[in-house]
């Protein structure tokens, strides 16, 4: 399992689009991909789960993945979260 903590760079009034893009990115990988925030562990491939997470600007989250392409999955999603705003 690979994990990396990142500070989220999303606009203050987050719309569904950045979250939908994140879900699409996560879905491209074979690995199981999760976003950890506080005591929540959300499947990054679930649009409803990700919308319920309510990501905020500068919030620290941990991206973790497990599977054959786990490193690529974490790297791609972390890069997106850093530049999505």
PDB file of N, CA and C in Angstrom:
ATOM      1  N   UNK A   1       0.843  -1.179   0.000  1.00  0.00           N
ATOM      2  CA  UNK A   1       0.000   0.000   0.000  1.00  0.00           C
ATOM      3  C   UNK A   1       0.886   1.239   0.000  1.00  0.00           C
ATOM      4  N   UNK A   2       0.505   2.207  -0.840  1.00  0.00           N
ATOM      5  CA  UNK A   2       1.210   3.475  -0.937  1.00  0.00           C
ATOM      6  C   UNK A   2       0.281   4.565  -0.434  1.00  0.00           C
ATOM      7  N   UNK A   3       0.832   5.509   0.333  1.00  0.00           N
ATOM      8  CA  UNK A   3       0.019   6.627   0.823  1.00  0.00           C
ATOM      9  C   UNK A   3       0.837   7.895   0.822  1.00  0.00           C
ATOM     10  N   UNK A   4       0.144   9.015   0.612  1.00  0.00           N
ATOM     11  CA  UNK A   4       0.799  10.316   0.623  1.00  0.00           C
ATOM     12  C   UNK A   4      -0.201  11.363   1.087  1.00  0.00           C
ATOM     13  N   UNK A   5       0.255  12.268   1.956  1.00  0.00           N
ATOM     14  CA  UNK A   5      -0.598  13.343   2.459  1.00  0.00           C
ATOM     15  C   UNK A   5      -0.380  14.576   1.591  1.00  0.00           C
ATOM     16  N   UNK A   6      -1.482  15.267   1.305  1.00  0.00           N
ATOM     17  CA  UNK A   6      -1.432  16.437   0.423  1.00  0.00           C
ATOM     18  C   UNK A   6      -2.383  17.507   0.956  1.00  0.00           C
ATOM     19  N   UNK A   7      -2.027  18.756   0.711  1.00  0.00           N
ATOM     20  CA  UNK A   7      -2.903  19.879   1.032  1.00  0.00           C
ATOM     21  C   UNK A   7      -3.746  20.162  -0.206  1.00  0.00           C
ATOM     22  N   UNK A   8      -5.057  20.146  -0.046  1.00  0.00           N
ATOM     23  CA  UNK A   8      -5.990  20.283  -1.170  1.00  0.00           C
ATOM     24  C   UNK A   8      -5.990  21.720  -1.691  1.00  0.00           C
ATOM     25  N   UNK A   9      -5.900  21.869  -3.007  1.00  0.00           N
ATOM     26  CA  UNK A   9      -5.971  23.177  -3.646  1.00  0.00           C
ATOM     27  C   UNK A   9      -7.227  23.218  -4.514  1.00  0.00           C
ATOM     28  N   UNK A  10      -8.371  23.480  -3.879  1.00  0.00           N
ATOM     29  CA  UNK A  10      -9.644  23.598  -4.588  1.00  0.00           C
ATOM     30  C   UNK A  10     -10.244  24.959  -4.268  1.00  0.00           C
ATOM     31  N   UNK A  11     -11.032  25.481  -5.188  1.00  0.00           N
ATOM     32  CA  UNK A  11     -11.701  26.761  -4.963  1.00  0.00           C
ATOM     33  C   UNK A  11     -12.578  26.669  -3.720  1.00  0.00           C
ATOM     34  N   UNK A  12     -12.764  27.794  -3.044  1.00  0.00           N
ATOM     35  CA  UNK A  12     -13.536  27.827  -1.797  1.00  0.00           C
ATOM     36  C   UNK A  12     -14.966  27.317  -1.977  1.00  0.00           C
ATOM     37  N   UNK A  13     -15.550  27.593  -3.119  1.00  0.00           N
ATOM     38  CA  UNK A  13     -16.917  27.127  -3.385  1.00  0.00           C
ATOM     39  C   UNK A  13     -16.858  25.948  -4.357  1.00  0.00           C
ATOM     40  N   UNK A  14     -16.388  24.842  -3.862  1.00  0.00           N
ATOM     41  CA  UNK A  14     -16.162  23.660  -4.691  1.00  0.00           C
ATOM     42  C   UNK A  14     -17.460  23.215  -5.357  1.00  0.00           C
ATOM     43  N   UNK A  15     -17.390  23.077  -6.658  1.00  0.00           N
ATOM     44  CA  UNK A  15     -18.519  22.552  -7.420  1.00  0.00           C
ATOM     45  C   UNK A  15     -18.273  21.070  -7.642  1.00  0.00           C
ATOM     46  N   UNK A  16     -19.221  20.433  -8.282  1.00  0.00           N
ATOM     47  CA  UNK A  16     -19.114  18.991  -8.506  1.00  0.00           C
ATOM     48  C   UNK A  16     -18.021  18.642  -9.515  1.00  0.00           C
ATOM     49  N   UNK A  17     -17.697  19.531 -10.429  1.00  0.00           N
ATOM     50  CA  UNK A  17     -16.772  19.205 -11.498  1.00  0.00           C
ATOM     51  C   UNK A  17     -15.399  18.738 -11.017  1.00  0.00           C
ATOM     52  N   UNK A  18     -14.707  19.473 -10.115  1.00  0.00           N
ATOM     53  CA  UNK A  18     -13.396  18.985  -9.674  1.00  0.00           C
ATOM     54  C   UNK A  18     -13.471  17.607  -8.998  1.00  0.00           C
ATOM     55  N   UNK A  19     -14.546  17.368  -8.266  1.00  0.00           N
ATOM     56  CA  UNK A  19     -14.712  16.069  -7.611  1.00  0.00           C
ATOM     57  C   UNK A  19     -14.959  14.988  -8.661  1.00  0.00           C
ATOM     58  N   UNK A  20     -15.763  15.299  -9.683  1.00  0.00           N
ATOM     59  CA  UNK A  20     -16.030  14.335 -10.750  1.00  0.00           C
ATOM     60  C   UNK A  20     -14.744  13.987 -11.497  1.00  0.00           C
ATOM     61  N   UNK A  21     -13.899  14.974 -11.729  1.00  0.00           N
ATOM     62  CA  UNK A  21     -12.620  14.728 -12.403  1.00  0.00           C
ATOM     63  C   UNK A  21     -11.744  13.828 -11.536  1.00  0.00           C
ATOM     64  N   UNK A  22     -11.721  14.073 -10.243  1.00  0.00           N
ATOM     65  CA  UNK A  22     -10.942  13.242  -9.333  1.00  0.00           C
ATOM     66  C   UNK A  22     -11.428  11.787  -9.388  1.00  0.00           C
ATOM     67  N   UNK A  23     -12.736  11.592  -9.390  1.00  0.00           N
ATOM     68  CA  UNK A  23     -13.307  10.237  -9.464  1.00  0.00           C
ATOM     69  C   UNK A  23     -12.917   9.577 -10.795  1.00  0.00           C
ATOM     70  N   UNK A  24     -12.962  10.334 -11.882  1.00  0.00           N
ATOM     71  CA  UNK A  24     -12.558   9.791 -13.183  1.00  0.00           C
ATOM     72  C   UNK A  24     -11.088   9.378 -13.169  1.00  0.00           C
ATOM     73  N   UNK A  25     -10.245  10.213 -12.578  1.00  0.00           N
ATOM     74  CA  UNK A  25      -8.816   9.878 -12.494  1.00  0.00           C
ATOM     75  C   UNK A  25      -8.606   8.601 -11.686  1.00  0.00           C
ATOM     76  N   UNK A  26      -9.262   8.515 -10.537  1.00  0.00           N
ATOM     77  CA  UNK A  26      -9.115   7.330  -9.685  1.00  0.00           C
ATOM     78  C   UNK A  26      -9.606   6.077 -10.407  1.00  0.00           C
ATOM     79  N   UNK A  27     -10.664   6.214 -11.193  1.00  0.00           N
ATOM     80  CA  UNK A  27     -11.268   5.067 -11.880  1.00  0.00           C
ATOM     81  C   UNK A  27     -10.392   4.526 -13.000  1.00  0.00           C
ATOM     82  N   UNK A  28      -9.397   5.276 -13.428  1.00  0.00           N
ATOM     83  CA  UNK A  28      -8.494   4.829 -14.487  1.00  0.00           C
ATOM     84  C   UNK A  28      -7.511   3.768 -14.005  1.00  0.00           C
ATOM     85  N   UNK A  29      -7.417   3.606 -12.692  1.00  0.00           N
ATOM     86  CA  UNK A  29      -6.429   2.692 -12.132  1.00  0.00           C
ATOM     87  C   UNK A  29      -7.081   1.407 -11.645  1.00  0.00           C
ATOM     88  N   UNK A  30      -6.326   0.322 -11.728  1.00  0.00           N
ATOM     89  CA  UNK A  30      -6.799  -0.972 -11.251  1.00  0.00           C
ATOM     90  C   UNK A  30      -6.815  -1.027  -9.726  1.00  0.00           C
ATOM     91  N   UNK A  31      -5.924  -0.292  -9.107  1.00  0.00           N
ATOM     92  CA  UNK A  31      -5.790  -0.304  -7.644  1.00  0.00           C
ATOM     93  C   UNK A  31      -7.039   0.215  -6.950  1.00  0.00           C
ATOM     94  N   UNK A  32      -7.210  -0.210  -5.702  1.00  0.00           N
ATOM     95  CA  UNK A  32      -8.216   0.387  -4.833  1.00  0.00           C
ATOM     96  C   UNK A  32      -7.631   1.715  -4.371  1.00  0.00           C
ATOM     97  N   UNK A  33      -8.413   2.791  -4.489  1.00  0.00           N
ATOM     98  CA  UNK A  33      -7.923   4.125  -4.157  1.00  0.00           C
ATOM     99  C   UNK A  33      -8.863   4.752  -3.127  1.00  0.00           C
ATOM    100  N   UNK A  34      -8.287   5.287  -2.057  1.00  0.00           N
ATOM    101  CA  UNK A  34      -9.083   5.903  -0.991  1.00  0.00           C
ATOM    102  C   UNK A  34      -8.530   7.275  -0.643  1.00  0.00           C
ATOM    103  N   UNK A  35      -9.442   8.147  -0.189  1.00  0.00           N
ATOM    104  CA  UNK A  35      -9.070   9.446   0.356  1.00  0.00           C
ATOM    105  C   UNK A  35      -9.404   9.393   1.845  1.00  0.00           C
ATOM    106  N   UNK A  36      -8.411   9.697   2.689  1.00  0.00           N
ATOM    107  CA  UNK A  36      -8.625   9.712   4.134  1.00  0.00           C
ATOM    108  C   UNK A  36      -8.626  11.159   4.614  1.00  0.00           C
ATOM    109  N   UNK A  37      -9.679  11.518   5.320  1.00  0.00           N
ATOM    110  CA  UNK A  37      -9.808  12.861   5.872  1.00  0.00           C
ATOM    111  C   UNK A  37     -10.427  12.739   7.255  1.00  0.00           C
ATOM    112  N   UNK A  38      -9.681  13.113   8.269  1.00  0.00           N
ATOM    113  CA  UNK A  38     -10.170  12.940   9.634  1.00  0.00           C
ATOM    114  C   UNK A  38     -10.402  11.463   9.903  1.00  0.00           C
ATOM    115  N   UNK A  39     -11.608  11.118  10.315  1.00  0.00           N
ATOM    116  CA  UNK A  39     -11.924   9.716  10.583  1.00  0.00           C
ATOM    117  C   UNK A  39     -12.664   9.058   9.419  1.00  0.00           C
ATOM    118  N   UNK A  40     -12.705   9.735   8.270  1.00  0.00           N
ATOM    119  CA  UNK A  40     -13.399   9.194   7.097  1.00  0.00           C
ATOM    120  C   UNK A  40     -12.412   8.547   6.134  1.00  0.00           C
ATOM    121  N   UNK A  41     -12.823   7.422   5.574  1.00  0.00           N
ATOM    122  CA  UNK A  41     -12.054   6.736   4.526  1.00  0.00           C
ATOM    123  C   UNK A  41     -13.021   6.510   3.374  1.00  0.00           C
ATOM    124  N   UNK A  42     -12.841   7.269   2.293  1.00  0.00           N
ATOM    125  CA  UNK A  42     -13.785   7.275   1.186  1.00  0.00           C
ATOM    126  C   UNK A  42     -13.147   6.647  -0.052  1.00  0.00           C
ATOM    127  N   UNK A  43     -13.921   5.794  -0.726  1.00  0.00           N
ATOM    128  CA  UNK A  43     -13.500   5.214  -1.988  1.00  0.00           C
ATOM    129  C   UNK A  43     -13.430   6.335  -3.023  1.00  0.00           C
ATOM    130  N   UNK A  44     -12.253   6.611  -3.555  1.00  0.00           N
ATOM    131  CA  UNK A  44     -12.066   7.713  -4.500  1.00  0.00           C
ATOM    132  C   UNK A  44     -12.744   7.460  -5.843  1.00  0.00           C
ATOM    133  N   UNK A  45     -13.222   6.245  -6.076  1.00  0.00           N
ATOM    134  CA  UNK A  45     -13.917   5.926  -7.324  1.00  0.00           C
ATOM    135  C   UNK A  45     -15.427   6.115  -7.190  1.00  0.00           C
ATOM    136  N   UNK A  46     -15.890   6.532  -6.019  1.00  0.00           N
ATOM    137  CA  UNK A  46     -17.314   6.713  -5.753  1.00  0.00           C
ATOM    138  C   UNK A  46     -17.671   8.199  -5.761  1.00  0.00           C
ATOM    139  N   UNK A  47     -18.455   8.634  -6.758  1.00  0.00           N
ATOM    140  CA  UNK A  47     -18.831  10.042  -6.843  1.00  0.00           C
ATOM    141  C   UNK A  47     -19.634  10.462  -5.620  1.00  0.00           C
ATOM    142  N   UNK A  48     -20.547   9.631  -5.168  1.00  0.00           N
ATOM    143  CA  UNK A  48     -21.361   9.982  -4.007  1.00  0.00           C
ATOM    144  C   UNK A  48     -20.501  10.059  -2.740  1.00  0.00           C
ATOM    145  N   UNK A  49     -19.586   9.134  -2.590  1.00  0.00           N
ATOM    146  CA  UNK A  49     -18.698   9.155  -1.439  1.00  0.00           C
ATOM    147  C   UNK A  49     -17.823  10.397  -1.438  1.00  0.00           C
ATOM    148  N   UNK A  50     -17.269  10.730  -2.593  1.00  0.00           N
ATOM    149  CA  UNK A  50     -16.396  11.891  -2.687  1.00  0.00           C
ATOM    150  C   UNK A  50     -17.163  13.189  -2.466  1.00  0.00           C
ATOM    151  N   UNK A  51     -18.388  13.271  -2.956  1.00  0.00           N
ATOM    152  CA  UNK A  51     -19.198  14.474  -2.735  1.00  0.00           C
ATOM    153  C   UNK A  51     -19.503  14.631  -1.247  1.00  0.00           C
ATOM    154  N   UNK A  52     -19.702  13.512  -0.550  1.00  0.00           N
ATOM    155  CA  UNK A  52     -20.022  13.573   0.877  1.00  0.00           C
ATOM    156  C   UNK A  52     -18.814  13.996   1.714  1.00  0.00           C
ATOM    157  N   UNK A  53     -17.627  13.863   1.151  1.00  0.00           N
ATOM    158  CA  UNK A  53     -16.412  14.206   1.888  1.00  0.00           C
ATOM    159  C   UNK A  53     -16.304  15.706   2.134  1.00  0.00           C
ATOM    160  N   UNK A  54     -16.769  16.503   1.173  1.00  0.00           N
ATOM    161  CA  UNK A  54     -16.740  17.956   1.345  1.00  0.00           C
ATOM    162  C   UNK A  54     -15.342  18.513   1.504  1.00  0.00           C
ATOM    163  N   UNK A  55     -14.497  18.303   0.516  1.00  0.00           N
ATOM    164  CA  UNK A  55     -13.118  18.798   0.571  1.00  0.00           C
ATOM    165  C   UNK A  55     -13.081  20.321   0.644  1.00  0.00           C
ATOM    166  N   UNK A  56     -12.192  20.851   1.456  1.00  0.00           N
ATOM    167  CA  UNK A  56     -12.034  22.296   1.622  1.00  0.00           C
ATOM    168  C   UNK A  56     -10.637  22.732   1.212  1.00  0.00           C
ATOM    169  N   UNK A  57     -10.527  23.980   0.776  1.00  0.00           N
ATOM    170  CA  UNK A  57      -9.239  24.569   0.415  1.00  0.00           C
ATOM    171  C   UNK A  57      -8.249  24.396   1.561  1.00  0.00           C
ATOM    172  N   UNK A  58      -7.045  23.980   1.248  1.00  0.00           N
ATOM    173  CA  UNK A  58      -5.938  23.805   2.197  1.00  0.00           C
ATOM    174  C   UNK A  58      -6.152  22.695   3.225  1.00  0.00           C
ATOM    175  N   UNK A  59      -7.183  21.884   3.039  1.00  0.00           N
ATOM    176  CA  UNK A  59      -7.409  20.742   3.930  1.00  0.00           C
ATOM    177  C   UNK A  59      -6.358  19.677   3.641  1.00  0.00           C
ATOM    178  N   UNK A  60      -5.849  19.057   4.687  1.00  0.00           N
ATOM    179  CA  UNK A  60      -4.880  17.973   4.528  1.00  0.00           C
ATOM    180  C   UNK A  60      -5.633  16.653   4.433  1.00  0.00           C
ATOM    181  N   UNK A  61      -5.388  15.920   3.361  1.00  0.00           N
ATOM    182  CA  UNK A  61      -5.973  14.597   3.186  1.00  0.00           C
ATOM    183  C   UNK A  61      -4.859  13.627   2.832  1.00  0.00           C
ATOM    184  N   UNK A  62      -5.122  12.360   3.033  1.00  0.00           N
ATOM    185  CA  UNK A  62      -4.162  11.332   2.659  1.00  0.00           C
ATOM    186  C   UNK A  62      -4.769  10.505   1.532  1.00  0.00           C
ATOM    187  N   UNK A  63      -4.007  10.349   0.474  1.00  0.00           N
ATOM    188  CA  UNK A  63      -4.401   9.507  -0.652  1.00  0.00           C
ATOM    189  C   UNK A  63      -3.689   8.183  -0.472  1.00  0.00           C
ATOM    190  N   UNK A  64      -4.438   7.086  -0.497  1.00  0.00           N
ATOM    191  CA  UNK A  64      -3.782   5.780  -0.407  1.00  0.00           C
ATOM    192  C   UNK A  64      -4.349   4.855  -1.467  1.00  0.00           C
ATOM    193  N   UNK A  65      -3.506   3.967  -1.928  1.00  0.00           N
ATOM    194  CA  UNK A  65      -3.897   3.021  -2.965  1.00  0.00           C
ATOM    195  C   UNK A  65      -3.227   1.688  -2.707  1.00  0.00           C
ATOM    196  N   UNK A  66      -3.912   0.648  -3.134  1.00  0.00           N
ATOM    197  CA  UNK A  66      -3.375  -0.702  -2.994  1.00  0.00           C
ATOM    198  C   UNK A  66      -3.702  -1.483  -4.257  1.00  0.00           C
ATOM    199  N   UNK A  67      -2.652  -1.996  -4.891  1.00  0.00           N
ATOM    200  CA  UNK A  67      -2.840  -2.771  -6.113  1.00  0.00           C
ATOM    201  C   UNK A  67      -1.630  -2.641  -7.015  1.00  0.00           C
ATOM    202  N   UNK A  68      -1.765  -3.169  -8.223  1.00  0.00           N
ATOM    203  CA  UNK A  68      -0.614  -3.253  -9.123  1.00  0.00           C
ATOM    204  C   UNK A  68      -0.106  -1.895  -9.604  1.00  0.00           C
ATOM    205  N   UNK A  69      -0.972  -0.889  -9.690  1.00  0.00           N
ATOM    206  CA  UNK A  69      -0.536   0.436 -10.148  1.00  0.00           C
ATOM    207  C   UNK A  69      -0.695   1.488  -9.045  1.00  0.00           C
ATOM    208  N   UNK A  70      -0.508   1.064  -7.801  1.00  0.00           N
ATOM    209  CA  UNK A  70      -0.755   1.929  -6.647  1.00  0.00           C
ATOM    210  C   UNK A  70       0.094   3.202  -6.648  1.00  0.00           C
ATOM    211  N   UNK A  71       1.374   3.094  -7.003  1.00  0.00           N
ATOM    212  CA  UNK A  71       2.237   4.279  -6.998  1.00  0.00           C
ATOM    213  C   UNK A  71       1.769   5.307  -8.016  1.00  0.00           C
ATOM    214  N   UNK A  72       1.421   4.854  -9.213  1.00  0.00           N
ATOM    215  CA  UNK A  72       0.933   5.765 -10.249  1.00  0.00           C
ATOM    216  C   UNK A  72      -0.382   6.416  -9.833  1.00  0.00           C
ATOM    217  N   UNK A  73      -1.255   5.653  -9.204  1.00  0.00           N
ATOM    218  CA  UNK A  73      -2.552   6.169  -8.765  1.00  0.00           C
ATOM    219  C   UNK A  73      -2.368   7.283  -7.744  1.00  0.00           C
ATOM    220  N   UNK A  74      -1.557   7.037  -6.738  1.00  0.00           N
ATOM    221  CA  UNK A  74      -1.326   8.044  -5.693  1.00  0.00           C
ATOM    222  C   UNK A  74      -0.663   9.279  -6.291  1.00  0.00           C
ATOM    223  N   UNK A  75       0.343   9.095  -7.105  1.00  0.00           N
ATOM    224  CA  UNK A  75       1.058  10.228  -7.709  1.00  0.00           C
ATOM    225  C   UNK A  75       0.130  11.093  -8.551  1.00  0.00           C
ATOM    226  N   UNK A  76      -0.709  10.455  -9.359  1.00  0.00           N
ATOM    227  CA  UNK A  76      -1.616  11.186 -10.246  1.00  0.00           C
ATOM    228  C   UNK A  76      -2.662  11.973  -9.455  1.00  0.00           C
ATOM    229  N   UNK A  77      -3.238  11.347  -8.454  1.00  0.00           N
ATOM    230  CA  UNK A  77      -4.292  12.006  -7.676  1.00  0.00           C
ATOM    231  C   UNK A  77      -3.716  13.120  -6.800  1.00  0.00           C
ATOM    232  N   UNK A  78      -2.561  12.899  -6.214  1.00  0.00           N
ATOM    233  CA  UNK A  78      -1.905  13.948  -5.428  1.00  0.00           C
ATOM    234  C   UNK A  78      -1.605  15.150  -6.309  1.00  0.00           C
ATOM    235  N   UNK A  79      -1.066  14.896  -7.503  1.00  0.00           N
ATOM    236  CA  UNK A  79      -0.759  16.001  -8.431  1.00  0.00           C
ATOM    237  C   UNK A  79      -2.029  16.773  -8.786  1.00  0.00           C
ATOM    238  N   UNK A  80      -3.131  16.067  -9.003  1.00  0.00           N
ATOM    239  CA  UNK A  80      -4.390  16.722  -9.322  1.00  0.00           C
ATOM    240  C   UNK A  80      -4.877  17.584  -8.147  1.00  0.00           C
ATOM    241  N   UNK A  81      -4.846  17.034  -6.945  1.00  0.00           N
ATOM    242  CA  UNK A  81      -5.320  17.774  -5.774  1.00  0.00           C
ATOM    243  C   UNK A  81      -4.489  19.033  -5.507  1.00  0.00           C
ATOM    244  N   UNK A  82      -3.230  19.002  -5.891  1.00  0.00           N
ATOM    245  CA  UNK A  82      -2.367  20.169  -5.693  1.00  0.00           C
ATOM    246  C   UNK A  82      -2.672  21.284  -6.699  1.00  0.00           C
ATOM    247  N   UNK A  83      -3.226  20.936  -7.855  1.00  0.00           N
ATOM    248  CA  UNK A  83      -3.375  21.907  -8.943  1.00  0.00           C
ATOM    249  C   UNK A  83      -4.805  22.113  -9.415  1.00  0.00           C
ATOM    250  N   UNK A  84      -5.790  21.539  -8.721  1.00  0.00           N
ATOM    251  CA  UNK A  84      -7.173  21.580  -9.188  1.00  0.00           C
ATOM    252  C   UNK A  84      -7.832  22.944  -8.999  1.00  0.00           C
ATOM    253  N   UNK A  85      -7.253  23.804  -8.200  1.00  0.00           N
ATOM    254  CA  UNK A  85      -7.887  25.083  -7.881  1.00  0.00           C
ATOM    255  C   UNK A  85      -7.733  26.139  -8.924  1.00  0.00           C
TER     256      UNK A  85
END
